[in-house]
Protein backbone atom coordinates (compact mmCIF):
# COMPACT_ATOMS: atom_id res chain seq x y z
CA MET A 1 26.05 -21.98 13.65
CA ALA A 2 25.26 -19.91 16.76
CA PHE A 3 24.08 -17.05 14.53
CA ILE A 4 21.64 -19.35 12.74
CA LEU A 5 20.30 -20.64 16.06
CA ALA A 6 19.86 -17.06 17.28
CA ILE A 7 17.89 -16.16 14.15
CA ILE A 8 15.66 -19.22 14.52
CA GLY A 9 15.15 -18.48 18.23
CA GLY A 10 14.21 -14.87 17.43
CA LEU A 11 11.71 -15.99 14.83
CA VAL A 12 10.12 -18.46 17.21
CA TYR A 13 10.00 -15.90 20.04
CA SER A 14 8.40 -13.28 17.79
CA THR A 15 5.32 -15.49 17.53
CA THR A 16 4.72 -15.64 21.29
CA ASP A 17 1.88 -13.77 22.99
CA SER A 18 4.26 -11.70 25.14
CA TYR A 19 6.13 -10.41 22.07
CA LYS A 20 2.87 -9.62 20.29
CA GLU A 21 1.74 -7.61 23.34
CA TYR A 22 5.08 -5.75 23.35
CA ALA A 23 4.79 -5.01 19.62
CA ALA A 24 1.31 -3.56 20.14
CA HIS A 25 2.77 -1.01 22.62
CA SER A 26 5.93 -0.25 20.60
CA ASN A 27 6.63 3.24 19.27
CA GLY A 28 8.02 1.74 16.06
CA ASN A 29 11.55 3.06 16.59
CA PRO A 30 14.12 0.34 15.75
CA ALA A 31 16.78 1.94 18.03
CA PHE A 32 17.46 0.40 21.45
CA GLN A 33 19.85 0.99 24.34
CA ILE A 34 21.45 -1.88 26.24
CA ASN A 35 20.45 -1.85 29.92
CA PHE A 36 20.38 -4.24 32.83
CA THR A 37 17.28 -3.64 34.91
CA PRO A 38 16.51 -6.44 37.41
CA ASP A 39 13.26 -7.07 39.29
CA CYS A 40 11.00 -5.87 36.50
CA ASP A 41 7.79 -7.74 35.83
CA GLU A 42 6.58 -7.95 32.25
CA GLY A 43 3.68 -5.70 31.30
CA ALA A 44 2.48 -2.22 30.43
CA ARG A 45 3.30 0.77 32.64
CA LYS A 46 3.59 4.53 32.27
CA SER A 47 7.23 4.25 31.17
CA GLY A 48 6.33 1.80 28.39
CA TYR A 49 5.86 -1.91 27.97
CA ALA A 50 8.44 -4.08 29.72
CA LEU A 51 9.38 -7.25 27.89
CA SER A 52 11.42 -9.10 30.49
CA LEU A 53 13.11 -12.47 30.66
CA LYS A 54 13.07 -13.86 34.20
CA LYS A 55 12.22 -10.36 35.52
CA VAL A 56 15.25 -8.71 33.82
CA VAL A 57 15.02 -6.08 31.08
CA LEU A 58 18.12 -5.99 28.85
CA LEU A 59 17.04 -3.55 26.12
CA LYS A 60 15.15 -0.25 26.28
CA GLN A 61 13.54 1.12 23.14
CA ARG A 62 14.56 4.70 22.46
CA ASN A 63 11.94 7.42 22.11
CA LEU A 64 11.42 8.93 18.67
CA ASP A 65 13.62 11.90 19.65
CA GLY A 66 16.50 9.53 20.59
CA THR A 67 16.16 9.85 24.36
CA VAL A 68 15.72 6.93 26.71
CA GLY A 69 13.13 7.28 29.45
CA ASP A 70 12.58 5.48 32.73
CA ILE A 71 12.56 1.71 32.82
CA CYS A 72 9.90 -0.17 34.79
CA ARG A 73 8.33 2.89 36.40
CA ASP A 74 4.62 2.92 37.15
């Protein structure tokens, strides 16, 4: 049941403006690294687009070469 609710929540969230803005800045790589980066406002910066929930970034999209760059750096 929780899995179904997570899928529905993801589908609903993917229609929000903030997700659409993130998708526009994405590099298209489906690989992510789990992180915990607090105090990060949502928005575009030199290190990429930060999609944060209550100013916390939990996932960082990997670069096309597999590396993970800075998180929330201007």
